[in-house]
Every structure is written in structure tokens, then in C-alpha cells.
């Protein structure tokens, strides 16, 4: 089955946009990765996950992403497409992890409400695969039933239009600064600067 055969709201365009947001988040984590300060695969994975969640949260409800929402912003992050709950994970889309197959409270509530519906008992996920550096290589829509993939549909990222996220116009309040003083530096100012740079911490 294709995603939209489960729910018409799960269009290819929307799923691809979510995957592109995850790619942006993961790309930021890869760009900031620095083994010289102690980064390793674990920190890369944590940052990539958090940055992906942030990108989705940042885009949710904005122009072009009115259909995207966040159900749970916590560590068990869950988003929605027109109210349909979804999660994402990194790994082989055909082999979901033990944690990702567990329904969230919201999903369990919906499953309990829909005993006679064909989609009852189905969980929706996006599985992402990465290259050796950790950047997003591909993504698939995954429908899980009884803890096993019922549908794995690779998302056509290579054919997608560039992602555009329109953020709000809000800006933090500015504050007035006094005009800079212009002139020669006096001896007392040179002395103060010298003293400030000679602290025991080297600051």
C-alpha cells in the first residue's frame, strides 16, 4: 500500500517535506561534529535526533506546513500530519527498533477507538538511513502492524523541490546603545585593559 491509501492526508509531498526537515537537522549535527572536543557517534546521534525534532517543531503550523503539528515535544518526540500521529527513527526501515514499535499514549488511544477500521493497529513511522558521516542518505514511510513493517515506501527525495520554510516575522526587542566614544585612549584606560588581561584564569 501507498501512504495515501491508509489516509489521504499522508501525501508524498508532505512526507518528503518532513524527511527534508530531518535532513536539515541531521546536516546541522554533522556540520557541528568535532571529535577534538569529545564528540563521538553517540553525541552525533543525539544531536541529529534533537535537531530533527527542532526543525519539525520550528516548521509546524507555518506557511506551507499548516498540516504539520507536534503532539509530544519531549524525548519521545511525536509529530502529526493533519492529526495523524507519526514518529521517526534512524535505522533499517525493514527492521524497526524495539522502542519505535511501541505505541505512544496518543496512538494507543486511537487504536483502542478504531477496532473496526482497516487502519486499526497500524503505526506510522519514517525511517531514515545515513551515510558513513551521519548525513541523511534516504528515508522511507513505514506502516507497522503487529510490530512488523506492513509497508515500506521509499520517499522520492531526489525528485523533490528544494525545501522552503517561512518563519514568523517576530524579532527580539532591541535596546538603545549609547554612541561610541571617539578619541585617544588615555593612560588610565590602557592600565585597566592591561590589568583585565592579566587574571589568573588567562581570560
C-alpha atoms as a PDB file:
ATOM      1  CA  UNK A   1       0.000   0.000   0.000  1.00  0.00           C
ATOM      2  CA  UNK A   2       0.975   3.606  -0.523  1.00  0.00           C
ATOM      3  CA  UNK A   3       0.804   6.086   2.386  1.00  0.00           C
ATOM      4  CA  UNK A   4      -2.248   7.875   0.977  1.00  0.00           C
ATOM      5  CA  UNK A   5      -4.083   4.548   0.776  1.00  0.00           C
ATOM      6  CA  UNK A   6      -4.038   4.462   4.562  1.00  0.00           C
ATOM      7  CA  UNK A   7      -5.047   8.112   4.924  1.00  0.00           C
ATOM      8  CA  UNK A   8      -5.396  10.567   2.072  1.00  0.00           C
ATOM      9  CA  UNK A   9      -3.682  13.188   4.218  1.00  0.00           C
ATOM     10  CA  UNK A  10      -0.421  11.227   4.033  1.00  0.00           C
ATOM     11  CA  UNK A  11       0.626  12.602   0.664  1.00  0.00           C
ATOM     12  CA  UNK A  12       4.036  12.042  -0.869  1.00  0.00           C
ATOM     13  CA  UNK A  13       4.710  15.788  -0.853  1.00  0.00           C
ATOM     14  CA  UNK A  14       4.072  16.130   2.876  1.00  0.00           C
ATOM     15  CA  UNK A  15       6.115  13.077   3.803  1.00  0.00           C
ATOM     16  CA  UNK A  16       9.000  14.267   1.658  1.00  0.00           C
ATOM     17  CA  UNK A  17       8.910  17.680   3.335  1.00  0.00           C
ATOM     18  CA  UNK A  18       9.161  16.035   6.754  1.00  0.00           C
ATOM     19  CA  UNK A  19      12.120  13.985   5.549  1.00  0.00           C
ATOM     20  CA  UNK A  20      13.760  17.153   4.229  1.00  0.00           C
ATOM     21  CA  UNK A  21      13.361  18.768   7.654  1.00  0.00           C
ATOM     22  CA  UNK A  22      15.041  15.745   9.216  1.00  0.00           C
ATOM     23  CA  UNK A  23      17.829  16.031   6.644  1.00  0.00           C
ATOM     24  CA  UNK A  24      18.377  19.674   7.617  1.00  0.00           C
ATOM     25  CA  UNK A  25      18.571  18.789  11.286  1.00  0.00           C
ATOM     26  CA  UNK A  26      20.935  15.912  10.695  1.00  0.00           C
ATOM     27  CA  UNK A  27      23.065  18.071   8.398  1.00  0.00           C
ATOM     28  CA  UNK A  28      23.452  20.646  11.187  1.00  0.00           C
ATOM     29  CA  UNK A  29      24.609  17.902  13.564  1.00  0.00           C
ATOM     30  CA  UNK A  30      27.161  16.634  11.045  1.00  0.00           C
ATOM     31  CA  UNK A  31      28.457  20.175  10.429  1.00  0.00           C
ATOM     32  CA  UNK A  32      28.988  20.707  14.176  1.00  0.00           C
ATOM     33  CA  UNK A  33      30.526  17.290  14.834  1.00  0.00           C
ATOM     34  CA  UNK A  34      34.005  17.728  16.336  1.00  0.00           C
ATOM     35  CA  UNK A  35      35.918  14.709  17.705  1.00  0.00           C
ATOM     36  CA  UNK A  36      38.627  17.039  19.032  1.00  0.00           C
ATOM     37  CA  UNK A  37      36.261  18.210  21.778  1.00  0.00           C
ATOM     38  CA  UNK A  38      34.921  14.747  22.591  1.00  0.00           C
ATOM     39  CA  UNK A  39      32.175  14.177  20.033  1.00  0.00           C
ATOM     40  CA  UNK A  40      31.538  10.561  19.078  1.00  0.00           C
ATOM     41  CA  UNK A  41      28.812   8.569  17.327  1.00  0.00           C
ATOM     42  CA  UNK A  42      26.600   8.805  20.408  1.00  0.00           C
ATOM     43  CA  UNK A  43      26.722  12.594  20.614  1.00  0.00           C
ATOM     44  CA  UNK A  44      26.234  12.816  16.855  1.00  0.00           C
ATOM     45  CA  UNK A  45      23.132  10.644  17.091  1.00  0.00           C
ATOM     46  CA  UNK A  46      21.681  12.630  19.990  1.00  0.00           C
ATOM     47  CA  UNK A  47      22.287  15.961  18.257  1.00  0.00           C
ATOM     48  CA  UNK A  48      20.904  14.703  14.950  1.00  0.00           C
ATOM     49  CA  UNK A  49      17.727  13.500  16.675  1.00  0.00           C
ATOM     50  CA  UNK A  50      17.275  16.712  18.668  1.00  0.00           C
ATOM     51  CA  UNK A  51      17.971  18.933  15.678  1.00  0.00           C
ATOM     52  CA  UNK A  52      15.481  16.956  13.591  1.00  0.00           C
ATOM     53  CA  UNK A  53      12.826  17.407  16.273  1.00  0.00           C
ATOM     54  CA  UNK A  54      13.626  21.109  16.424  1.00  0.00           C
ATOM     55  CA  UNK A  55      13.276  21.533  12.662  1.00  0.00           C
ATOM     56  CA  UNK A  56       9.851  19.890  12.712  1.00  0.00           C
ATOM     57  CA  UNK A  57       8.739  21.970  15.708  1.00  0.00           C
ATOM     58  CA  UNK A  58      10.031  25.136  14.058  1.00  0.00           C
ATOM     59  CA  UNK A  59       8.159  24.462  10.808  1.00  0.00           C
ATOM     60  CA  UNK A  60       4.896  23.190  12.335  1.00  0.00           C
ATOM     61  CA  UNK A  61       1.960  25.470  11.572  1.00  0.00           C
ATOM     62  CA  UNK A  62       3.941  27.887   9.412  1.00  0.00           C
ATOM     63  CA  UNK A  63       3.111  28.790   5.823  1.00  0.00           C
ATOM     64  CA  UNK A  64       3.250  25.665   3.710  1.00  0.00           C
ATOM     65  CA  UNK A  65       3.289  23.479   6.831  1.00  0.00           C
ATOM     66  CA  UNK A  66      -0.194  24.182   8.192  1.00  0.00           C
ATOM     67  CA  UNK A  67      -0.805  20.417   8.208  1.00  0.00           C
ATOM     68  CA  UNK A  68       2.228  19.706  10.404  1.00  0.00           C
ATOM     69  CA  UNK A  69       1.808  19.565  14.178  1.00  0.00           C
ATOM     70  CA  UNK A  70       3.666  18.454  17.282  1.00  0.00           C
ATOM     71  CA  UNK A  71       1.919  16.082  19.677  1.00  0.00           C
ATOM     72  CA  UNK A  72       4.726  15.420  22.142  1.00  0.00           C
ATOM     73  CA  UNK A  73       7.760  17.762  22.157  1.00  0.00           C
ATOM     74  CA  UNK A  74       9.578  15.648  24.764  1.00  0.00           C
ATOM     75  CA  UNK A  75      12.184  12.918  24.495  1.00  0.00           C
ATOM     76  CA  UNK A  76       9.628  10.593  22.877  1.00  0.00           C
ATOM     77  CA  UNK A  77       9.015  13.200  20.217  1.00  0.00           C
ATOM     78  CA  UNK A  78       5.885  12.734  18.152  1.00  0.00           C
ATOM     79  CA  UNK A  79       4.537  14.871  15.344  1.00  0.00           C
ATOM     80  CA  UNK A  80       1.399  14.674  13.237  1.00  0.00           C
ATOM     81  CA  UNK A  81       0.281  15.165   9.658  1.00  0.00           C
ATOM     82  CA  UNK A  82      -3.249  16.550   9.729  1.00  0.00           C
ATOM     83  CA  UNK A  83      -3.695  14.944  13.137  1.00  0.00           C
ATOM     84  CA  UNK A  84      -2.292  11.545  12.138  1.00  0.00           C
ATOM     85  CA  UNK A  85       0.442  10.701  14.674  1.00  0.00           C
ATOM     86  CA  UNK A  86       3.886   9.738  13.425  1.00  0.00           C
ATOM     87  CA  UNK A  87       7.425   9.249  14.721  1.00  0.00           C
ATOM     88  CA  UNK A  88      10.845   8.835  13.133  1.00  0.00           C
ATOM     89  CA  UNK A  89      13.976   6.836  13.812  1.00  0.00           C
ATOM     90  CA  UNK A  90      17.362   6.108  12.281  1.00  0.00           C
ATOM     91  CA  UNK A  91      17.932   2.601  11.057  1.00  0.00           C
ATOM     92  CA  UNK A  92      16.938  -0.008   8.511  1.00  0.00           C
ATOM     93  CA  UNK A  93      13.282   0.725   7.635  1.00  0.00           C
ATOM     94  CA  UNK A  94      12.641  -3.012   7.296  1.00  0.00           C
ATOM     95  CA  UNK A  95      13.925  -3.672  10.820  1.00  0.00           C
ATOM     96  CA  UNK A  96      12.276  -1.242  13.260  1.00  0.00           C
ATOM     97  CA  UNK A  97      13.805  -0.930  16.719  1.00  0.00           C
ATOM     98  CA  UNK A  98      12.093  -2.253  19.818  1.00  0.00           C
ATOM     99  CA  UNK A  99      11.326   1.271  21.040  1.00  0.00           C
ATOM    100  CA  UNK A 100       9.882   2.589  17.798  1.00  0.00           C
ATOM    101  CA  UNK A 101       7.253  -0.181  17.522  1.00  0.00           C
ATOM    102  CA  UNK A 102       5.739   0.726  20.895  1.00  0.00           C
ATOM    103  CA  UNK A 103       2.621   2.913  20.504  1.00  0.00           C
ATOM    104  CA  UNK A 104       2.611   6.238  22.296  1.00  0.00           C
ATOM    105  CA  UNK A 105      -0.308   7.059  24.630  1.00  0.00           C
ATOM    106  CA  UNK A 106      -1.939   9.078  21.826  1.00  0.00           C
ATOM    107  CA  UNK A 107      -1.552   6.195  19.386  1.00  0.00           C
ATOM    108  CA  UNK A 108      -2.852   3.665  21.880  1.00  0.00           C
ATOM    109  CA  UNK A 109      -5.908   5.835  22.448  1.00  0.00           C
ATOM    110  CA  UNK A 110      -6.619   5.952  18.718  1.00  0.00           C
ATOM    111  CA  UNK A 111      -6.028   2.224  18.309  1.00  0.00           C
ATOM    112  CA  UNK A 112      -8.487   1.473  21.081  1.00  0.00           C
ATOM    113  CA  UNK A 113     -11.082   3.704  19.396  1.00  0.00           C
ATOM    114  CA  UNK A 114     -10.879   2.084  15.952  1.00  0.00           C
ATOM    115  CA  UNK A 115     -11.439  -1.680  16.285  1.00  0.00           C
ATOM    116  CA  UNK A 116     -13.347  -1.984  13.009  1.00  0.00           C
ATOM    117  CA  UNK A 117     -11.313   0.354  10.833  1.00  0.00           C
ATOM    118  CA  UNK A 118      -8.803  -1.143   8.347  1.00  0.00           C
ATOM    119  CA  UNK A 119      -6.036   1.086   9.709  1.00  0.00           C
ATOM    120  CA  UNK A 120      -6.645  -0.019  13.300  1.00  0.00           C
ATOM    121  CA  UNK A 121      -3.494  -1.431  14.820  1.00  0.00           C
ATOM    122  CA  UNK A 122      -1.243   0.369  12.321  1.00  0.00           C
ATOM    123  CA  UNK A 123       1.517   2.728  13.435  1.00  0.00           C
ATOM    124  CA  UNK A 124       3.111   5.208  11.053  1.00  0.00           C
ATOM    125  CA  UNK A 125       6.809   5.983  11.082  1.00  0.00           C
ATOM    126  CA  UNK A 126       9.574   7.499   8.975  1.00  0.00           C
ATOM    127  CA  UNK A 127      12.783   5.503   8.950  1.00  0.00           C
ATOM    128  CA  UNK A 128      15.937   7.327   7.885  1.00  0.00           C
ATOM    129  CA  UNK A 129      19.202   5.844   6.680  1.00  0.00           C
ATOM    130  CA  UNK A 130      22.512   7.681   6.842  1.00  0.00           C
ATOM    131  CA  UNK A 131      25.893   7.672   5.166  1.00  0.00           C
ATOM    132  CA  UNK A 132      29.198   6.952   6.906  1.00  0.00           C
ATOM    133  CA  UNK A 133      29.398  10.543   8.162  1.00  0.00           C
ATOM    134  CA  UNK A 134      25.880  10.504   9.598  1.00  0.00           C
ATOM    135  CA  UNK A 135      24.169  12.655   6.962  1.00  0.00           C
ATOM    136  CA  UNK A 136      20.732  11.575   5.799  1.00  0.00           C
ATOM    137  CA  UNK A 137      21.021   9.256   2.825  1.00  0.00           C
ATOM    138  CA  UNK A 138      17.393   8.206   2.366  1.00  0.00           C
ATOM    139  CA  UNK A 139      14.040   7.985   4.107  1.00  0.00           C
ATOM    140  CA  UNK A 140      11.050   5.659   3.940  1.00  0.00           C
ATOM    141  CA  UNK A 141       7.445   5.763   5.055  1.00  0.00           C
ATOM    142  CA  UNK A 142       6.849   2.712   7.243  1.00  0.00           C
ATOM    143  CA  UNK A 143       3.493   1.330   8.339  1.00  0.00           C
ATOM    144  CA  UNK A 144       3.807  -1.108  11.245  1.00  0.00           C
ATOM    145  CA  UNK A 145       1.293  -3.775  12.155  1.00  0.00           C
ATOM    146  CA  UNK A 146       1.918  -6.212  14.993  1.00  0.00           C
ATOM    147  CA  UNK A 147       5.418  -4.777  15.433  1.00  0.00           C
ATOM    148  CA  UNK A 148       6.367  -5.619  11.841  1.00  0.00           C
ATOM    149  CA  UNK A 149       6.599  -3.478   8.696  1.00  0.00           C
ATOM    150  CA  UNK A 150       3.465  -3.912   6.618  1.00  0.00           C
ATOM    151  CA  UNK A 151       4.521  -1.225   4.144  1.00  0.00           C
ATOM    152  CA  UNK A 152       7.938   0.264   3.448  1.00  0.00           C
ATOM    153  CA  UNK A 153       7.751   3.009   0.823  1.00  0.00           C
ATOM    154  CA  UNK A 154      10.978   4.862  -0.073  1.00  0.00           C
ATOM    155  CA  UNK A 155      10.388   8.601  -0.215  1.00  0.00           C
ATOM    156  CA  UNK A 156      11.432  10.217  -3.530  1.00  0.00           C
ATOM    157  CA  UNK A 157      13.801  12.768  -2.025  1.00  0.00           C
ATOM    158  CA  UNK A 158      15.947  13.049  -5.156  1.00  0.00           C
ATOM    159  CA  UNK A 159      12.939  14.299  -7.124  1.00  0.00           C
ATOM    160  CA  UNK A 160      11.759  16.786  -4.501  1.00  0.00           C
ATOM    161  CA  UNK A 161      11.749  20.551  -4.842  1.00  0.00           C
ATOM    162  CA  UNK A 162      14.116  22.470  -2.534  1.00  0.00           C
ATOM    163  CA  UNK A 163      12.627  22.939   0.903  1.00  0.00           C
ATOM    164  CA  UNK A 164      11.444  26.428   1.868  1.00  0.00           C
ATOM    165  CA  UNK A 165      10.439  27.140   5.460  1.00  0.00           C
ATOM    166  CA  UNK A 166       8.842  30.519   6.152  1.00  0.00           C
ATOM    167  CA  UNK A 167       9.375  31.596   9.738  1.00  0.00           C
ATOM    168  CA  UNK A 168       7.437  34.245  11.595  1.00  0.00           C
ATOM    169  CA  UNK A 169       8.298  37.930  11.492  1.00  0.00           C
ATOM    170  CA  UNK A 170       8.783  38.147  15.268  1.00  0.00           C
ATOM    171  CA  UNK A 171      12.128  39.530  16.324  1.00  0.00           C
ATOM    172  CA  UNK A 172      13.511  40.037  19.825  1.00  0.00           C
ATOM    173  CA  UNK A 173      13.209  43.553  21.198  1.00  0.00           C
ATOM    174  CA  UNK A 174      16.275  45.677  20.565  1.00  0.00           C
ATOM    175  CA  UNK A 175      17.808  48.081  23.028  1.00  0.00           C
ATOM    176  CA  UNK A 176      19.311  51.520  22.599  1.00  0.00           C
ATOM    177  CA  UNK A 177      23.068  51.785  22.923  1.00  0.00           C
ATOM    178  CA  UNK A 178      24.985  54.970  23.703  1.00  0.00           C
ATOM    179  CA  UNK A 179      27.070  56.413  20.862  1.00  0.00           C
ATOM    180  CA  UNK A 180      30.642  55.145  20.820  1.00  0.00           C
ATOM    181  CA  UNK A 181      33.293  57.432  22.262  1.00  0.00           C
ATOM    182  CA  UNK A 182      35.911  58.611  19.800  1.00  0.00           C
ATOM    183  CA  UNK A 183      39.366  59.817  20.770  1.00  0.00           C
ATOM    184  CA  UNK A 184      42.740  58.785  22.080  1.00  0.00           C
ATOM    185  CA  UNK A 185      42.958  56.066  24.671  1.00  0.00           C
ATOM    186  CA  UNK A 186      44.089  57.576  27.937  1.00  0.00           C
ATOM    187  CA  UNK A 187      46.790  56.113  30.118  1.00  0.00           C
ATOM    188  CA  UNK A 188      44.246  55.053  32.732  1.00  0.00           C
ATOM    189  CA  UNK A 189      42.260  53.050  30.152  1.00  0.00           C
ATOM    190  CA  UNK A 190      45.420  51.312  28.933  1.00  0.00           C
ATOM    191  CA  UNK A 191      46.196  50.406  32.540  1.00  0.00           C
ATOM    192  CA  UNK A 192      42.729  48.972  33.102  1.00  0.00           C
ATOM    193  CA  UNK A 193      42.933  46.915  29.903  1.00  0.00           C
ATOM    194  CA  UNK A 194      46.318  45.536  30.942  1.00  0.00           C
ATOM    195  CA  UNK A 195      45.022  44.581  34.357  1.00  0.00           C
ATOM    196  CA  UNK A 196      41.921  42.902  32.913  1.00  0.00           C
ATOM    197  CA  UNK A 197      44.041  40.701  30.685  1.00  0.00           C
ATOM    198  CA  UNK A 198      46.350  39.518  33.452  1.00  0.00           C
ATOM    199  CA  UNK A 199      43.909  37.496  35.520  1.00  0.00           C
ATOM    200  CA  UNK A 200      44.901  34.062  36.862  1.00  0.00           C
ATOM    201  CA  UNK A 201      42.455  32.280  34.531  1.00  0.00           C
ATOM    202  CA  UNK A 202      44.021  33.785  31.433  1.00  0.00           C
ATOM    203  CA  UNK A 203      40.757  35.416  30.388  1.00  0.00           C
END
